[in-house]
N, C-alpha and C. Protein backbone atom coordinates (compact mmCIF):
# COMPACT_ATOMS: atom_id res chain seq x y z
N MET A 1 -37.52 -43.61 16.40
CA MET A 1 -37.89 -42.33 16.70
C MET A 1 -37.77 -42.01 18.21
N ASP A 2 -38.03 -43.07 18.86
CA ASP A 2 -37.70 -42.86 20.42
C ASP A 2 -36.37 -42.51 20.84
N ASP A 3 -35.32 -43.07 19.97
CA ASP A 3 -34.08 -42.73 20.31
C ASP A 3 -33.56 -41.20 20.01
N ARG A 4 -34.26 -40.76 18.96
CA ARG A 4 -33.93 -39.42 18.48
C ARG A 4 -34.60 -38.53 19.63
N LEU A 5 -35.88 -38.92 20.10
CA LEU A 5 -36.48 -38.09 21.16
C LEU A 5 -35.74 -37.99 22.27
N LYS A 6 -35.14 -39.28 22.77
CA LYS A 6 -34.23 -39.27 23.95
C LYS A 6 -33.05 -38.47 23.78
N SER A 7 -32.39 -38.48 22.73
CA SER A 7 -31.23 -37.41 22.56
C SER A 7 -31.61 -35.92 22.69
N HIS A 8 -32.71 -35.60 22.11
CA HIS A 8 -33.37 -34.20 22.32
C HIS A 8 -33.54 -34.01 23.74
N ALA A 9 -34.18 -34.85 24.38
CA ALA A 9 -34.61 -34.67 25.91
C ALA A 9 -33.29 -34.50 26.88
N LYS A 10 -32.23 -35.13 26.31
CA LYS A 10 -31.03 -34.96 27.17
C LYS A 10 -30.50 -33.44 27.38
N ASN A 11 -30.86 -32.73 26.22
CA ASN A 11 -30.46 -31.33 26.14
C ASN A 11 -31.38 -30.33 26.78
N PHE A 12 -32.41 -30.79 27.31
CA PHE A 12 -33.42 -29.99 27.91
C PHE A 12 -33.10 -29.11 28.93
N ASP A 13 -32.17 -29.71 29.76
CA ASP A 13 -31.69 -28.86 31.10
C ASP A 13 -30.69 -27.78 30.40
N LYS A 14 -30.25 -27.84 29.24
CA LYS A 14 -29.40 -26.81 28.79
C LYS A 14 -30.17 -25.58 28.08
N LEU A 15 -31.46 -25.85 27.80
CA LEU A 15 -32.16 -25.00 27.19
C LEU A 15 -32.57 -23.76 28.24
N ASP A 16 -32.60 -22.63 27.60
CA ASP A 16 -33.19 -21.38 28.33
C ASP A 16 -34.59 -21.40 28.40
N TRP A 17 -35.30 -21.86 29.13
CA TRP A 17 -36.89 -21.99 29.04
C TRP A 17 -37.48 -20.69 29.42
N GLU A 18 -36.67 -19.70 30.03
CA GLU A 18 -37.06 -18.38 30.35
C GLU A 18 -37.51 -17.37 29.30
N LYS A 19 -36.65 -17.75 28.08
CA LYS A 19 -36.95 -16.75 26.95
C LYS A 19 -37.18 -17.41 25.70
N MET A 20 -38.03 -16.91 24.85
CA MET A 20 -38.46 -17.32 23.51
C MET A 20 -37.49 -17.33 22.65
N PRO A 21 -36.99 -18.47 21.93
CA PRO A 21 -35.91 -18.38 20.95
C PRO A 21 -36.26 -17.41 19.95
N GLU A 22 -35.32 -16.99 19.27
CA GLU A 22 -35.31 -16.02 18.19
C GLU A 22 -35.89 -16.78 17.02
N GLY A 23 -36.34 -16.05 15.96
CA GLY A 23 -36.85 -16.75 14.79
C GLY A 23 -38.17 -17.21 14.80
N LYS A 24 -38.49 -18.61 14.79
CA LYS A 24 -39.77 -19.14 14.69
C LYS A 24 -40.35 -19.09 16.05
N GLY A 25 -39.75 -18.76 17.07
CA GLY A 25 -40.35 -18.80 18.41
C GLY A 25 -40.39 -20.15 19.01
N VAL A 26 -39.87 -21.18 18.52
CA VAL A 26 -39.73 -22.36 19.24
C VAL A 26 -38.22 -22.76 19.30
N HIS A 27 -38.08 -23.74 20.36
CA HIS A 27 -36.73 -24.38 20.40
C HIS A 27 -36.35 -25.21 19.22
N GLY A 28 -35.06 -25.36 19.01
CA GLY A 28 -34.49 -26.11 17.85
C GLY A 28 -35.01 -27.62 17.86
N TYR A 29 -35.09 -28.08 19.16
CA TYR A 29 -35.51 -29.49 19.13
C TYR A 29 -36.89 -29.79 18.56
N ALA A 30 -37.91 -28.71 18.68
CA ALA A 30 -39.24 -28.96 18.35
C ALA A 30 -39.18 -28.86 16.74
N GLU A 31 -38.45 -28.04 16.28
CA GLU A 31 -38.20 -28.02 14.78
C GLU A 31 -37.67 -29.29 14.28
N THR A 32 -36.71 -29.71 14.99
CA THR A 32 -36.09 -30.98 14.39
C THR A 32 -36.95 -32.25 14.63
N ILE A 33 -37.77 -32.36 15.66
CA ILE A 33 -38.55 -33.23 15.76
C ILE A 33 -39.66 -33.44 14.64
N VAL A 34 -40.20 -32.13 14.33
CA VAL A 34 -41.12 -32.09 13.27
C VAL A 34 -40.38 -32.49 11.74
N ALA A 35 -39.19 -31.99 11.67
CA ALA A 35 -38.68 -32.45 10.44
C ALA A 35 -38.16 -33.89 10.23
N GLU A 36 -37.63 -34.44 11.30
CA GLU A 36 -37.36 -35.92 11.38
C GLU A 36 -38.70 -36.80 11.14
N THR A 37 -39.78 -36.39 11.83
CA THR A 37 -40.96 -37.03 11.76
C THR A 37 -41.56 -37.11 10.26
N SER A 38 -41.42 -35.87 9.79
CA SER A 38 -41.87 -35.50 8.46
C SER A 38 -41.18 -36.42 7.47
N THR A 39 -39.91 -36.53 7.54
CA THR A 39 -39.02 -37.46 6.81
C THR A 39 -39.52 -38.88 6.80
N LEU A 40 -39.73 -39.41 8.11
CA LEU A 40 -40.26 -40.62 8.45
C LEU A 40 -41.41 -40.97 7.84
N HIS A 41 -42.32 -40.01 7.83
CA HIS A 41 -43.58 -40.13 7.26
C HIS A 41 -43.47 -40.31 5.64
N ASN A 42 -42.81 -39.37 5.12
CA ASN A 42 -42.61 -39.60 3.65
C ASN A 42 -41.88 -40.84 3.25
N VAL A 43 -41.03 -41.26 3.96
CA VAL A 43 -40.49 -42.59 3.58
C VAL A 43 -41.40 -43.73 3.67
N LEU A 44 -42.25 -43.76 4.67
CA LEU A 44 -43.29 -44.84 4.93
C LEU A 44 -44.24 -44.89 4.06
N LYS A 45 -44.69 -43.63 3.67
CA LYS A 45 -45.93 -43.59 2.66
C LYS A 45 -45.36 -44.11 1.22
N ARG A 46 -44.15 -43.88 1.00
CA ARG A 46 -43.63 -44.32 -0.21
C ARG A 46 -43.61 -45.94 -0.45
N TYR A 47 -43.53 -46.45 0.62
CA TYR A 47 -43.29 -47.83 0.61
C TYR A 47 -44.46 -48.77 1.25
N LEU A 48 -45.29 -48.19 2.07
CA LEU A 48 -46.26 -48.90 2.79
C LEU A 48 -47.54 -48.47 2.25
N SER A 49 -48.72 -49.34 2.71
CA SER A 49 -49.91 -48.94 2.47
C SER A 49 -50.33 -47.96 3.44
N PRO A 50 -51.39 -46.99 3.01
CA PRO A 50 -51.91 -45.99 3.88
C PRO A 50 -52.40 -46.38 5.31
N ILE A 51 -53.04 -47.60 5.44
CA ILE A 51 -53.35 -48.03 6.78
C ILE A 51 -52.24 -48.28 7.68
N VAL A 52 -51.12 -48.86 7.08
CA VAL A 52 -50.08 -49.39 7.97
C VAL A 52 -49.29 -47.89 8.29
N VAL A 53 -49.21 -47.05 7.44
CA VAL A 53 -48.47 -45.86 7.76
C VAL A 53 -49.21 -45.13 8.95
N GLU A 54 -50.57 -45.19 8.69
CA GLU A 54 -51.50 -44.43 9.83
C GLU A 54 -51.23 -45.22 11.08
N MET A 55 -51.16 -46.41 11.18
CA MET A 55 -50.88 -47.16 12.35
C MET A 55 -49.53 -46.87 13.00
N ILE A 56 -48.64 -46.88 12.13
CA ILE A 56 -47.16 -46.56 12.66
C ILE A 56 -47.08 -44.98 13.17
N MET A 57 -47.75 -44.24 12.50
CA MET A 57 -47.70 -42.63 12.96
C MET A 57 -48.39 -42.45 14.14
N ASP A 58 -49.53 -43.11 14.33
CA ASP A 58 -50.42 -43.22 15.53
C ASP A 58 -49.44 -43.63 16.68
N GLY A 59 -48.67 -44.52 16.54
CA GLY A 59 -47.78 -44.92 17.60
C GLY A 59 -46.77 -44.06 17.82
N VAL A 60 -46.14 -43.38 16.92
CA VAL A 60 -45.09 -42.33 16.94
C VAL A 60 -45.70 -41.18 17.78
N PHE A 61 -46.86 -40.79 17.41
CA PHE A 61 -47.39 -39.48 18.00
C PHE A 61 -47.77 -39.95 19.44
N ALA A 62 -48.26 -41.06 19.81
CA ALA A 62 -48.52 -41.53 21.22
C ALA A 62 -47.20 -41.51 22.10
N SER A 63 -46.13 -42.03 21.38
CA SER A 63 -44.83 -42.00 21.97
C SER A 63 -44.42 -40.65 22.45
N TYR A 64 -44.53 -39.70 21.46
CA TYR A 64 -44.04 -38.28 21.66
C TYR A 64 -44.88 -37.59 22.75
N ILE A 65 -46.16 -37.85 22.71
CA ILE A 65 -46.90 -37.18 23.87
C ILE A 65 -46.43 -37.58 25.18
N SER A 66 -46.38 -39.00 25.37
CA SER A 66 -45.99 -39.69 26.54
C SER A 66 -44.54 -39.13 27.00
N ARG A 67 -43.80 -39.27 26.13
CA ARG A 67 -42.15 -38.94 26.46
C ARG A 67 -42.00 -37.45 26.68
N LEU A 68 -42.63 -36.71 25.98
CA LEU A 68 -42.40 -35.19 26.00
C LEU A 68 -43.18 -34.72 27.37
N THR A 69 -44.26 -35.37 27.66
CA THR A 69 -44.95 -34.97 28.81
C THR A 69 -44.13 -35.23 30.00
N ASP A 70 -43.47 -36.36 30.04
CA ASP A 70 -42.65 -36.92 31.14
C ASP A 70 -41.45 -36.01 31.13
N GLU A 71 -40.76 -35.48 30.10
CA GLU A 71 -39.69 -34.61 30.04
C GLU A 71 -40.13 -33.14 30.63
N TYR A 72 -41.18 -32.70 30.03
CA TYR A 72 -41.67 -31.45 30.47
C TYR A 72 -41.81 -31.30 31.86
N ASN A 73 -42.46 -32.47 32.54
CA ASN A 73 -42.87 -32.33 33.96
C ASN A 73 -41.47 -32.48 34.80
N LYS A 74 -40.30 -32.73 34.36
CA LYS A 74 -39.06 -32.66 34.99
C LYS A 74 -38.46 -31.25 35.15
N ILE A 75 -39.00 -30.45 34.06
CA ILE A 75 -38.54 -29.00 34.15
C ILE A 75 -39.33 -28.16 35.15
N GLU A 76 -38.69 -27.45 35.96
CA GLU A 76 -39.26 -26.74 37.08
C GLU A 76 -39.95 -25.48 36.38
N THR A 77 -41.30 -25.36 36.62
CA THR A 77 -41.95 -24.30 35.89
C THR A 77 -41.94 -23.14 37.13
N THR A 78 -40.90 -22.32 36.99
CA THR A 78 -40.72 -21.26 37.94
C THR A 78 -41.37 -20.02 37.57
N SER A 79 -41.91 -19.83 36.23
CA SER A 79 -42.48 -18.47 35.97
C SER A 79 -43.34 -18.83 34.86
N LEU A 80 -44.30 -17.82 34.64
CA LEU A 80 -45.31 -17.98 33.50
C LEU A 80 -44.45 -17.93 32.31
N LYS A 81 -43.43 -17.38 32.07
CA LYS A 81 -42.79 -17.49 30.80
C LYS A 81 -42.23 -18.85 30.45
N VAL A 82 -41.83 -19.61 31.33
CA VAL A 82 -41.24 -21.00 31.09
C VAL A 82 -42.45 -21.75 30.52
N LYS A 83 -43.57 -21.58 31.20
CA LYS A 83 -44.81 -22.33 30.77
C LYS A 83 -45.21 -21.96 29.33
N GLU A 84 -45.11 -20.56 28.95
CA GLU A 84 -45.45 -20.13 27.81
C GLU A 84 -44.54 -20.66 26.65
N THR A 85 -43.21 -20.65 27.08
CA THR A 85 -42.24 -21.29 26.08
C THR A 85 -42.53 -22.77 25.84
N MET A 86 -42.67 -23.50 26.81
CA MET A 86 -43.03 -24.92 26.75
C MET A 86 -44.23 -25.07 25.81
N LEU A 87 -45.29 -24.30 26.16
CA LEU A 87 -46.52 -24.43 25.38
C LEU A 87 -46.48 -24.10 23.84
N ALA A 88 -45.48 -23.03 23.60
CA ALA A 88 -45.22 -22.79 22.33
C ALA A 88 -44.52 -23.85 21.44
N ASP A 89 -43.62 -24.77 22.02
CA ASP A 89 -42.86 -25.84 21.58
C ASP A 89 -44.06 -26.90 21.39
N ALA A 90 -44.84 -27.18 22.51
CA ALA A 90 -45.81 -28.29 22.30
C ALA A 90 -46.86 -28.02 21.18
N MET A 91 -47.36 -26.68 21.04
CA MET A 91 -48.34 -26.33 20.00
C MET A 91 -47.77 -26.58 18.61
N HIS A 92 -46.37 -26.05 18.41
CA HIS A 92 -45.63 -26.30 17.19
C HIS A 92 -45.51 -27.76 16.77
N ILE A 93 -45.00 -28.52 17.70
CA ILE A 93 -45.05 -29.95 17.33
C ILE A 93 -46.52 -30.54 17.06
N THR A 94 -47.41 -30.27 17.82
CA THR A 94 -48.73 -30.59 17.52
C THR A 94 -49.35 -30.43 16.24
N GLU A 95 -49.30 -29.06 15.99
CA GLU A 95 -49.93 -28.51 14.85
C GLU A 95 -49.24 -29.04 13.54
N LYS A 96 -47.88 -28.97 13.43
CA LYS A 96 -47.20 -29.27 12.35
C LYS A 96 -47.27 -30.80 11.95
N LEU A 97 -47.28 -31.58 13.03
CA LEU A 97 -47.37 -32.96 12.86
C LEU A 97 -48.87 -33.44 12.40
N SER A 98 -49.73 -32.59 12.81
CA SER A 98 -51.35 -32.93 12.51
C SER A 98 -51.43 -32.45 11.04
N GLN A 99 -50.55 -31.78 10.32
CA GLN A 99 -50.81 -31.45 8.97
C GLN A 99 -50.22 -32.56 8.02
N LEU A 100 -49.48 -33.47 8.59
CA LEU A 100 -49.13 -34.65 7.64
C LEU A 100 -50.36 -35.22 6.97
N GLN A 101 -50.09 -35.60 5.77
CA GLN A 101 -51.08 -36.21 4.65
C GLN A 101 -51.39 -37.49 5.10
N GLY A 102 -52.63 -38.03 5.18
CA GLY A 102 -52.83 -39.44 5.34
C GLY A 102 -52.85 -40.00 6.56
N VAL A 103 -52.79 -39.15 7.75
CA VAL A 103 -52.64 -39.78 8.99
C VAL A 103 -53.70 -38.89 9.91
N ARG A 104 -54.11 -39.34 10.90
CA ARG A 104 -55.01 -38.82 11.82
C ARG A 104 -54.22 -37.59 12.48
N LYS A 105 -54.90 -36.61 12.89
CA LYS A 105 -54.30 -35.46 13.56
C LYS A 105 -53.64 -35.99 14.83
N MET A 106 -52.51 -35.30 15.22
CA MET A 106 -52.06 -35.59 16.53
C MET A 106 -52.88 -35.22 17.76
N ASP A 107 -53.04 -36.03 18.60
CA ASP A 107 -53.86 -35.74 19.79
C ASP A 107 -53.29 -34.42 20.56
N GLN A 108 -54.37 -33.83 21.19
CA GLN A 108 -53.90 -32.57 21.87
C GLN A 108 -53.27 -32.74 23.31
N GLY A 109 -52.82 -34.01 23.59
CA GLY A 109 -52.48 -34.37 24.90
C GLY A 109 -51.20 -33.60 25.38
N LEU A 110 -50.24 -33.43 24.49
CA LEU A 110 -49.05 -32.78 24.76
C LEU A 110 -49.52 -31.04 25.28
N ILE A 111 -50.27 -30.52 24.45
CA ILE A 111 -50.76 -29.26 24.72
C ILE A 111 -51.40 -29.17 26.06
N GLN A 112 -52.46 -30.22 26.21
CA GLN A 112 -53.03 -30.08 27.51
C GLN A 112 -52.31 -30.40 28.64
N ALA A 113 -51.27 -31.25 28.59
CA ALA A 113 -50.32 -31.47 29.72
C ALA A 113 -49.58 -30.25 30.11
N VAL A 114 -49.19 -29.40 29.06
CA VAL A 114 -48.54 -28.18 29.55
C VAL A 114 -49.37 -27.23 29.99
N GLN A 115 -50.64 -27.11 29.49
CA GLN A 115 -51.62 -26.03 30.11
C GLN A 115 -51.93 -26.36 31.44
N ALA A 116 -51.85 -27.79 31.78
CA ALA A 116 -52.36 -28.08 33.21
C ALA A 116 -51.14 -27.83 34.22
N ARG A 117 -49.98 -27.56 33.77
CA ARG A 117 -48.86 -27.37 34.68
C ARG A 117 -49.17 -25.94 35.48
N GLU A 118 -48.86 -26.04 36.81
CA GLU A 118 -48.93 -24.95 37.61
C GLU A 118 -47.69 -24.30 37.72
N VAL A 119 -47.66 -22.96 37.66
CA VAL A 119 -46.32 -22.24 38.02
C VAL A 119 -45.94 -22.27 39.23
N VAL A 120 -44.70 -22.85 39.63
CA VAL A 120 -44.24 -23.00 41.03
C VAL A 120 -43.51 -21.81 41.41
N THR A 121 -43.94 -21.12 42.38
CA THR A 121 -42.95 -20.10 42.91
C THR A 121 -42.22 -20.51 44.00
N SER A 122 -41.12 -20.05 44.36
CA SER A 122 -40.38 -20.50 45.57
C SER A 122 -40.66 -19.39 46.50
N THR A 123 -41.39 -19.69 47.82
CA THR A 123 -41.64 -18.77 48.91
C THR A 123 -40.60 -19.06 50.00
N PRO A 124 -40.13 -17.98 50.45
CA PRO A 124 -39.28 -18.12 51.67
C PRO A 124 -39.82 -18.56 52.86
N THR A 125 -39.23 -19.42 53.81
CA THR A 125 -39.83 -19.87 54.92
C THR A 125 -39.75 -18.74 55.92
N PRO A 126 -40.93 -18.53 56.47
CA PRO A 126 -40.89 -17.38 57.54
C PRO A 126 -39.82 -17.76 58.74
N GLU A 127 -39.28 -16.67 59.32
CA GLU A 127 -38.40 -16.72 60.27
C GLU A 127 -39.18 -16.65 61.60
N LYS A 128 -38.43 -17.14 62.69
CA LYS A 128 -39.15 -17.10 64.04
C LYS A 128 -38.57 -15.87 64.70
N THR A 129 -39.25 -15.11 65.57
CA THR A 129 -38.84 -14.03 66.32
C THR A 129 -38.35 -14.44 67.67
N LYS A 130 -38.04 -13.54 68.56
CA LYS A 130 -37.58 -13.90 69.66
C LYS A 130 -38.51 -14.69 70.59
N ASN A 131 -39.70 -14.21 70.62
CA ASN A 131 -40.87 -14.89 71.37
C ASN A 131 -41.38 -16.26 70.58
N GLY A 132 -40.92 -16.52 69.51
CA GLY A 132 -41.43 -17.62 68.85
C GLY A 132 -42.51 -17.58 67.92
N THR A 133 -42.99 -16.24 67.77
CA THR A 133 -43.97 -16.06 66.61
C THR A 133 -43.13 -15.92 65.35
N GLN A 134 -43.94 -16.08 64.14
CA GLN A 134 -43.42 -16.11 62.84
C GLN A 134 -43.22 -14.81 62.30
N LYS A 135 -42.24 -14.46 61.81
CA LYS A 135 -41.87 -13.17 61.07
C LYS A 135 -42.34 -13.38 59.73
N LEU A 136 -43.42 -12.53 59.26
CA LEU A 136 -43.98 -12.74 58.02
C LEU A 136 -43.21 -12.25 56.79
N SER A 137 -42.48 -11.08 57.15
CA SER A 137 -41.79 -10.63 55.85
C SER A 137 -40.62 -9.67 56.38
N GLU A 138 -39.78 -9.43 55.48
CA GLU A 138 -38.54 -8.61 55.85
C GLU A 138 -39.00 -7.01 56.03
N ASP A 139 -40.18 -6.75 55.29
CA ASP A 139 -40.70 -5.43 55.46
C ASP A 139 -41.55 -4.90 56.55
N VAL A 140 -41.57 -5.81 57.58
CA VAL A 140 -42.18 -5.53 58.83
C VAL A 140 -41.56 -4.46 59.42
N LEU A 141 -42.16 -3.40 59.77
CA LEU A 141 -41.28 -2.23 60.33
C LEU A 141 -41.63 -2.16 61.91
N PHE A 142 -42.70 -2.90 62.23
CA PHE A 142 -43.02 -2.88 63.71
C PHE A 142 -43.60 -4.27 64.06
N ASP A 143 -43.14 -4.77 65.19
CA ASP A 143 -43.68 -6.07 65.68
C ASP A 143 -44.05 -5.76 67.08
N ALA A 144 -45.52 -5.68 67.29
CA ALA A 144 -45.85 -5.54 68.62
C ALA A 144 -45.40 -6.47 69.66
N ALA A 145 -45.29 -7.81 69.29
CA ALA A 145 -44.79 -8.84 70.20
C ALA A 145 -43.42 -8.65 70.68
N GLU A 146 -42.64 -8.10 69.83
CA GLU A 146 -41.32 -7.85 70.31
C GLU A 146 -41.33 -6.76 71.21
N GLU A 147 -42.00 -5.65 70.91
CA GLU A 147 -42.04 -4.43 71.80
C GLU A 147 -42.55 -4.86 73.13
N LYS A 148 -43.57 -5.73 73.13
CA LYS A 148 -44.14 -6.24 74.48
C LYS A 148 -43.01 -6.95 75.36
N ASN A 149 -42.32 -7.59 74.64
CA ASN A 149 -41.09 -8.31 75.48
C ASN A 149 -40.09 -7.43 75.92
N ASP A 150 -39.79 -6.27 74.97
CA ASP A 150 -38.78 -5.25 75.46
C ASP A 150 -39.23 -4.57 76.57
N LYS A 151 -40.60 -4.23 76.61
CA LYS A 151 -41.16 -3.41 77.88
C LYS A 151 -41.09 -4.29 78.98
N LYS A 152 -41.28 -5.68 79.02
CA LYS A 152 -41.24 -6.48 79.99
C LYS A 152 -39.77 -6.58 80.67
N GLU A 153 -38.83 -6.60 79.67
CA GLU A 153 -37.56 -6.73 80.10
C GLU A 153 -37.04 -5.44 80.79
N GLU A 154 -37.56 -4.22 80.27
CA GLU A 154 -37.22 -2.94 80.90
C GLU A 154 -37.90 -2.83 82.29
N GLN A 155 -39.05 -3.39 82.46
CA GLN A 155 -39.61 -3.27 83.77
C GLN A 155 -38.81 -4.11 84.91
N LYS A 156 -38.35 -5.39 84.24
CA LYS A 156 -37.56 -6.15 85.18
C LYS A 156 -36.31 -5.57 85.80
N GLU A 157 -35.72 -4.78 84.81
CA GLU A 157 -34.63 -4.05 85.16
C GLU A 157 -34.79 -2.84 86.10
N ASN A 158 -35.98 -2.31 86.04
CA ASN A 158 -36.27 -1.22 86.77
C ASN A 158 -36.66 -1.41 88.31
N VAL A 159 -36.91 -2.85 88.49
CA VAL A 159 -37.33 -3.43 89.75
C VAL A 159 -36.32 -3.68 90.56
């Protein structure tokens, strides 16, 4: 299952995290992870004892939480929409896999990891003015420091 998860993660950079996918509202990888894990669970419970199935599925869930948290952390959360989309995927995976019969519910770790992410906004670095002060914004209409310097230069010219 780790190889399958790795192959899904390779495509994360190609996903549009800014918009919620049509239909079920989650990315295809989330639906596929649930389907593949459900298939694994059904095969295991057909041939193994319930205790062994539970132990294996606990390991699979722990691996998913760890790996997906790492992969989600690689994605730059530039807006609240990116975080919401990631959270929808994490909730889908956690809720659907928690419904599997005969195993413990999947830990909320994946959801908590996404919820803990901060939205990173890029802030432009302030520019320096002629006198070395920082220009705070392009919308500044009047800079008193610059006017002072202009008046000093005028006075020097008049002398």
